[in-house]
Amino acid sequence: MGLYKAAPAQTHVLCVDEMGPVSAKTYFSRRWSAGVPRVTPDYGRRGYVWVFGAFEPSTGLALTHCASQRNSANFVGLLDQVEQQWPDGDIILIMDNLSIHKAMAVRLWALVHKRVRFLFQPTYAPWLNLIEPWWKTLRSLALKGRRFETPTEVETAIYAGTVFWNQQRHPYVWRKVA
């Protein structure tokens, strides 16, 4: 947790991960749980999107990138956006050991972008990546209580939820005892 709270000078520490697949379907909210829901549940057979994200715990700034597949090319797209969003200083990306994070395209990208370093978290320790609790917040902001007919509507909601979060953002407060 020391890296999150006391990053080296001129360094951004970002948590990176993927959420999904997020289906175009109805996402129930708590207000529907009282009694019988007034909507018929559907099962999201209208398409889905993957959400790639980066979250800086020290500032609360978040970045999302939606794609139709979870692959190394779309992950490199997120990395390009990360470098544009944080143009100054070094960047440390904390991520899990998913195969697309270690793909050849990602390794070649890392060779070209010297100011970006990867820090892989231990296997089976997802709670160490602080983007995980932020995904829950994003789901509440963007999806909960809404019905989506197309993957494009889901993407629009995800981006709108991210913009709303960034307008209200605050540093992440670690609530668990380390």
C-alpha atoms as a PDB file:
ATOM      1  CA  MET A   1       0.000   0.000   0.000  1.00  0.00           C
ATOM      2  CA  GLY A   2       2.999   2.277   0.351  1.00  0.00           C
ATOM      3  CA  LEU A   3       3.234   2.815  -3.392  1.00  0.00           C
ATOM      4  CA  TYR A   4      -0.388   3.987  -3.509  1.00  0.00           C
ATOM      5  CA  LYS A   5       0.006   6.467  -0.662  1.00  0.00           C
ATOM      6  CA  ALA A   6       3.578   7.659  -1.258  1.00  0.00           C
ATOM      7  CA  ALA A   7       4.482   7.385  -4.921  1.00  0.00           C
ATOM      8  CA  PRO A   8       7.950   8.499  -6.033  1.00  0.00           C
ATOM      9  CA  ALA A   9       8.190  12.172  -7.055  1.00  0.00           C
ATOM     10  CA  GLN A  10       6.909  12.969 -10.553  1.00  0.00           C
ATOM     11  CA  THR A  11       5.349   9.498 -10.832  1.00  0.00           C
ATOM     12  CA  HIS A  12       1.746   8.481 -11.422  1.00  0.00           C
ATOM     13  CA  VAL A  13       0.700   5.127  -9.966  1.00  0.00           C
ATOM     14  CA  LEU A  14      -2.259   3.730 -11.894  1.00  0.00           C
ATOM     15  CA  CYS A  15      -4.324   0.614 -11.364  1.00  0.00           C
ATOM     16  CA  VAL A  16      -5.261  -1.050 -14.655  1.00  0.00           C
ATOM     17  CA  ASP A  17      -7.748  -3.833 -15.356  1.00  0.00           C
ATOM     18  CA  GLU A  18     -10.709  -4.950 -17.438  1.00  0.00           C
ATOM     19  CA  MET A  19     -14.376  -5.249 -16.531  1.00  0.00           C
ATOM     20  CA  GLY A  20     -16.712  -7.401 -18.473  1.00  0.00           C
ATOM     21  CA  PRO A  21     -18.189  -8.562 -20.543  1.00  0.00           C
ATOM     22  CA  VAL A  22     -20.901  -5.988 -19.855  1.00  0.00           C
ATOM     23  CA  SER A  23     -24.105  -7.086 -21.593  1.00  0.00           C
ATOM     24  CA  ALA A  24     -26.767  -4.937 -23.189  1.00  0.00           C
ATOM     25  CA  LYS A  25     -29.591  -5.934 -20.822  1.00  0.00           C
ATOM     26  CA  THR A  26     -31.611  -4.693 -17.860  1.00  0.00           C
ATOM     27  CA  TYR A  27     -29.623  -3.918 -14.708  1.00  0.00           C
ATOM     28  CA  PHE A  28     -31.866  -3.993 -11.666  1.00  0.00           C
ATOM     29  CA  SER A  29     -31.513  -1.549  -8.821  1.00  0.00           C
ATOM     30  CA  ARG A  30     -32.319  -1.836  -5.146  1.00  0.00           C
ATOM     31  CA  ARG A  31     -35.584   0.074  -5.526  1.00  0.00           C
ATOM     32  CA  TRP A  32     -36.904  -2.828  -7.632  1.00  0.00           C
ATOM     33  CA  SER A  33     -36.209  -5.401  -4.930  1.00  0.00           C
ATOM     34  CA  ALA A  34     -39.211  -4.419  -2.780  1.00  0.00           C
ATOM     35  CA  GLY A  35     -42.006  -6.744  -3.864  1.00  0.00           C
ATOM     36  CA  VAL A  36     -42.316  -8.102  -7.355  1.00  0.00           C
ATOM     37  CA  PRO A  37     -40.213  -6.301  -9.982  1.00  0.00           C
ATOM     38  CA  ARG A  38     -42.218  -4.481 -12.647  1.00  0.00           C
ATOM     39  CA  VAL A  39     -39.839  -5.528 -15.393  1.00  0.00           C
ATOM     40  CA  THR A  40     -39.145  -8.885 -16.922  1.00  0.00           C
ATOM     41  CA  PRO A  41     -35.529  -9.934 -16.523  1.00  0.00           C
ATOM     42  CA  ASP A  42     -33.597 -10.412 -19.725  1.00  0.00           C
ATOM     43  CA  TYR A  43     -30.318 -12.121 -20.197  1.00  0.00           C
ATOM     44  CA  GLY A  44     -28.285  -9.760 -22.339  1.00  0.00           C
ATOM     45  CA  ARG A  45     -28.320 -11.512 -25.669  1.00  0.00           C
ATOM     46  CA  ARG A  46     -28.136  -8.180 -27.473  1.00  0.00           C
ATOM     47  CA  GLY A  47     -24.336  -7.916 -27.434  1.00  0.00           C
ATOM     48  CA  TYR A  48     -21.697  -6.898 -24.956  1.00  0.00           C
ATOM     49  CA  VAL A  49     -18.638  -4.712 -24.440  1.00  0.00           C
ATOM     50  CA  TRP A  50     -15.421  -5.016 -22.475  1.00  0.00           C
ATOM     51  CA  VAL A  51     -14.375  -2.025 -20.411  1.00  0.00           C
ATOM     52  CA  PHE A  52     -10.648  -1.396 -20.017  1.00  0.00           C
ATOM     53  CA  GLY A  53      -9.785   1.062 -17.280  1.00  0.00           C
ATOM     54  CA  ALA A  54      -7.061   2.964 -15.481  1.00  0.00           C
ATOM     55  CA  PHE A  55      -7.531   4.507 -12.031  1.00  0.00           C
ATOM     56  CA  GLU A  56      -5.139   6.740 -10.116  1.00  0.00           C
ATOM     57  CA  PRO A  57      -5.897   6.244  -6.391  1.00  0.00           C
ATOM     58  CA  SER A  58      -3.963   9.329  -5.253  1.00  0.00           C
ATOM     59  CA  THR A  59      -6.175  11.722  -7.252  1.00  0.00           C
ATOM     60  CA  GLY A  60      -9.224   9.597  -8.038  1.00  0.00           C
ATOM     61  CA  LEU A  61      -8.855  10.279 -11.767  1.00  0.00           C
ATOM     62  CA  ALA A  62     -10.233   7.456 -13.918  1.00  0.00           C
ATOM     63  CA  LEU A  63     -10.046   6.565 -17.597  1.00  0.00           C
ATOM     64  CA  THR A  64     -12.181   4.010 -19.454  1.00  0.00           C
ATOM     65  CA  HIS A  65     -11.887   2.507 -22.916  1.00  0.00           C
ATOM     66  CA  CYS A  66     -14.666   0.292 -24.307  1.00  0.00           C
ATOM     67  CA  ALA A  67     -14.129  -2.424 -26.899  1.00  0.00           C
ATOM     68  CA  SER A  68     -15.979  -5.389 -28.350  1.00  0.00           C
ATOM     69  CA  GLN A  69     -13.225  -7.864 -27.417  1.00  0.00           C
ATOM     70  CA  ARG A  70     -10.739  -8.399 -24.628  1.00  0.00           C
ATOM     71  CA  ASN A  71      -7.478  -8.713 -26.531  1.00  0.00           C
ATOM     72  CA  SER A  72      -3.990  -7.233 -26.579  1.00  0.00           C
ATOM     73  CA  ALA A  73      -4.799  -4.761 -29.386  1.00  0.00           C
ATOM     74  CA  ASN A  74      -7.582  -3.166 -27.333  1.00  0.00           C
ATOM     75  CA  PHE A  75      -5.374  -3.186 -24.238  1.00  0.00           C
ATOM     76  CA  VAL A  76      -2.688  -1.315 -26.191  1.00  0.00           C
ATOM     77  CA  GLY A  77      -5.440   1.177 -27.102  1.00  0.00           C
ATOM     78  CA  LEU A  78      -5.970   1.782 -23.388  1.00  0.00           C
ATOM     79  CA  LEU A  79      -2.221   2.176 -22.856  1.00  0.00           C
ATOM     80  CA  ASP A  80      -2.097   4.839 -25.586  1.00  0.00           C
ATOM     81  CA  GLN A  81      -4.924   6.714 -23.864  1.00  0.00           C
ATOM     82  CA  VAL A  82      -3.170   6.417 -20.496  1.00  0.00           C
ATOM     83  CA  GLU A  83      -0.055   8.018 -21.906  1.00  0.00           C
ATOM     84  CA  GLN A  84      -2.107  10.885 -23.369  1.00  0.00           C
ATOM     85  CA  GLN A  85      -4.102  11.411 -20.151  1.00  0.00           C
ATOM     86  CA  TRP A  86      -0.962  11.569 -17.979  1.00  0.00           C
ATOM     87  CA  PRO A  87       1.601  13.348 -20.235  1.00  0.00           C
ATOM     88  CA  ASP A  88       4.066  14.391 -17.510  1.00  0.00           C
ATOM     89  CA  GLY A  89       6.271  12.234 -15.324  1.00  0.00           C
ATOM     90  CA  ASP A  90       6.758   8.514 -15.068  1.00  0.00           C
ATOM     91  CA  ILE A  91       3.855   6.058 -14.964  1.00  0.00           C
ATOM     92  CA  ILE A  92       3.678   2.836 -12.971  1.00  0.00           C
ATOM     93  CA  LEU A  93       0.837   0.533 -14.040  1.00  0.00           C
ATOM     94  CA  ILE A  94      -0.327  -1.995 -11.474  1.00  0.00           C
ATOM     95  CA  MET A  95      -2.073  -4.930 -13.116  1.00  0.00           C
ATOM     96  CA  ASP A  96      -2.839  -8.608 -12.802  1.00  0.00           C
ATOM     97  CA  ASN A  97      -1.172 -11.453 -14.674  1.00  0.00           C
ATOM     98  CA  LEU A  98      -3.732 -11.803 -17.461  1.00  0.00           C
ATOM     99  CA  SER A  99      -2.188 -13.117 -20.673  1.00  0.00           C
ATOM    100  CA  ILE A 100      -3.083 -10.002 -22.695  1.00  0.00           C
ATOM    101  CA  HIS A 101      -1.056  -7.889 -20.247  1.00  0.00           C
ATOM    102  CA  LYS A 102       2.023  -9.897 -21.193  1.00  0.00           C
ATOM    103  CA  ALA A 103       1.321 -10.319 -24.926  1.00  0.00           C
ATOM    104  CA  MET A 104       3.992  -9.502 -27.493  1.00  0.00           C
ATOM    105  CA  ALA A 105       2.143  -6.370 -28.681  1.00  0.00           C
ATOM    106  CA  VAL A 106       2.107  -5.041 -25.103  1.00  0.00           C
ATOM    107  CA  ARG A 107       5.792  -5.855 -24.587  1.00  0.00           C
ATOM    108  CA  LEU A 108       6.709  -4.046 -27.803  1.00  0.00           C
ATOM    109  CA  TRP A 109       4.602  -1.067 -26.725  1.00  0.00           C
ATOM    110  CA  ALA A 110       6.464  -1.005 -23.399  1.00  0.00           C
ATOM    111  CA  LEU A 111       9.831  -0.980 -25.177  1.00  0.00           C
ATOM    112  CA  VAL A 112       8.876   2.155 -27.090  1.00  0.00           C
ATOM    113  CA  HIS A 113       7.353   3.978 -24.091  1.00  0.00           C
ATOM    114  CA  LYS A 114      10.221   4.152 -21.596  1.00  0.00           C
ATOM    115  CA  ARG A 115       8.442   6.259 -18.970  1.00  0.00           C
ATOM    116  CA  VAL A 116       5.802   3.561 -18.413  1.00  0.00           C
ATOM    117  CA  ARG A 117       6.638   0.632 -16.142  1.00  0.00           C
ATOM    118  CA  PHE A 118       4.524  -2.419 -15.349  1.00  0.00           C
ATOM    119  CA  LEU A 119       4.109  -3.811 -11.847  1.00  0.00           C
ATOM    120  CA  PHE A 120       2.325  -7.163 -11.768  1.00  0.00           C
ATOM    121  CA  GLN A 121       0.394  -7.945  -8.604  1.00  0.00           C
ATOM    122  CA  PRO A 122       0.655 -11.399  -7.043  1.00  0.00           C
ATOM    123  CA  THR A 123      -1.528 -14.138  -8.502  1.00  0.00           C
ATOM    124  CA  TYR A 124      -4.873 -14.563  -6.727  1.00  0.00           C
ATOM    125  CA  ALA A 125      -4.700 -11.163  -5.024  1.00  0.00           C
ATOM    126  CA  PRO A 126      -7.228  -8.982  -6.891  1.00  0.00           C
ATOM    127  CA  TRP A 127      -7.951  -6.860  -3.798  1.00  0.00           C
ATOM    128  CA  LEU A 128      -4.510  -5.299  -4.164  1.00  0.00           C
ATOM    129  CA  ASN A 129      -5.589  -3.599  -7.380  1.00  0.00           C
ATOM    130  CA  LEU A 130      -7.648  -0.593  -6.306  1.00  0.00           C
ATOM    131  CA  ILE A 131      -9.510  -0.396  -9.598  1.00  0.00           C
ATOM    132  CA  GLU A 132     -11.604  -3.355  -8.419  1.00  0.00           C
ATOM    133  CA  PRO A 133     -13.683  -1.336  -5.907  1.00  0.00           C
ATOM    134  CA  TRP A 134     -13.895   1.485  -8.461  1.00  0.00           C
ATOM    135  CA  TRP A 135     -15.546  -0.900 -10.953  1.00  0.00           C
ATOM    136  CA  LYS A 136     -18.355  -1.356  -8.421  1.00  0.00           C
ATOM    137  CA  THR A 137     -18.800   2.409  -8.233  1.00  0.00           C
ATOM    138  CA  LEU A 138     -18.815   2.699 -12.026  1.00  0.00           C
ATOM    139  CA  ARG A 139     -21.446  -0.026 -12.304  1.00  0.00           C
ATOM    140  CA  SER A 140     -23.651   1.934  -9.884  1.00  0.00           C
ATOM    141  CA  LEU A 141     -23.133   5.193 -11.766  1.00  0.00           C
ATOM    142  CA  ALA A 142     -23.534   3.873 -15.287  1.00  0.00           C
ATOM    143  CA  LEU A 143     -25.578   0.682 -15.274  1.00  0.00           C
ATOM    144  CA  LYS A 144     -27.739   0.221 -12.190  1.00  0.00           C
ATOM    145  CA  GLY A 145     -31.455   0.714 -12.787  1.00  0.00           C
ATOM    146  CA  ARG A 146     -31.163   1.015 -16.568  1.00  0.00           C
ATOM    147  CA  ARG A 147     -32.040  -1.045 -19.629  1.00  0.00           C
ATOM    148  CA  PHE A 148     -29.757  -1.178 -22.658  1.00  0.00           C
ATOM    149  CA  GLU A 149     -30.790  -2.336 -26.110  1.00  0.00           C
ATOM    150  CA  THR A 150     -27.391  -2.127 -27.821  1.00  0.00           C
ATOM    151  CA  PRO A 151     -23.721  -2.304 -26.869  1.00  0.00           C
ATOM    152  CA  THR A 152     -23.369   1.307 -28.054  1.00  0.00           C
ATOM    153  CA  GLU A 153     -25.831   2.406 -25.359  1.00  0.00           C
ATOM    154  CA  VAL A 154     -23.734   0.559 -22.765  1.00  0.00           C
ATOM    155  CA  GLU A 155     -20.563   2.298 -23.983  1.00  0.00           C
ATOM    156  CA  THR A 156     -22.265   5.704 -23.845  1.00  0.00           C
ATOM    157  CA  ALA A 157     -23.393   5.032 -20.276  1.00  0.00           C
ATOM    158  CA  ILE A 158     -19.914   3.845 -19.229  1.00  0.00           C
ATOM    159  CA  TYR A 159     -18.271   6.965 -20.661  1.00  0.00           C
ATOM    160  CA  ALA A 160     -20.920   9.231 -19.068  1.00  0.00           C
ATOM    161  CA  GLY A 161     -20.404   7.504 -15.706  1.00  0.00           C
ATOM    162  CA  THR A 162     -16.648   8.017 -15.999  1.00  0.00           C
ATOM    163  CA  VAL A 163     -17.082  11.704 -16.819  1.00  0.00           C
ATOM    164  CA  PHE A 164     -19.436  12.141 -13.856  1.00  0.00           C
ATOM    165  CA  TRP A 165     -16.954  10.368 -11.550  1.00  0.00           C
ATOM    166  CA  ASN A 166     -14.060  12.537 -12.742  1.00  0.00           C
ATOM    167  CA  GLN A 167     -16.087  15.695 -12.087  1.00  0.00           C
ATOM    168  CA  GLN A 168     -16.775  14.543  -8.496  1.00  0.00           C
ATOM    169  CA  ARG A 169     -13.551  12.596  -7.925  1.00  0.00           C
ATOM    170  CA  HIS A 170     -11.585  12.339  -4.717  1.00  0.00           C
ATOM    171  CA  PRO A 171      -8.535  10.343  -3.632  1.00  0.00           C
ATOM    172  CA  TYR A 172      -9.244   6.723  -2.821  1.00  0.00           C
ATOM    173  CA  VAL A 173      -9.400   5.965   0.901  1.00  0.00           C
ATOM    174  CA  TRP A 174      -8.202   2.459   1.770  1.00  0.00           C
ATOM    175  CA  ARG A 175     -10.706   1.112   4.297  1.00  0.00           C
ATOM    176  CA  LYS A 176      -9.275  -2.327   4.978  1.00  0.00           C
ATOM    177  CA  VAL A 177      -6.541  -2.985   7.515  1.00  0.00           C
ATOM    178  CA  ALA A 178      -3.360  -3.981   5.692  1.00  0.00           C
END
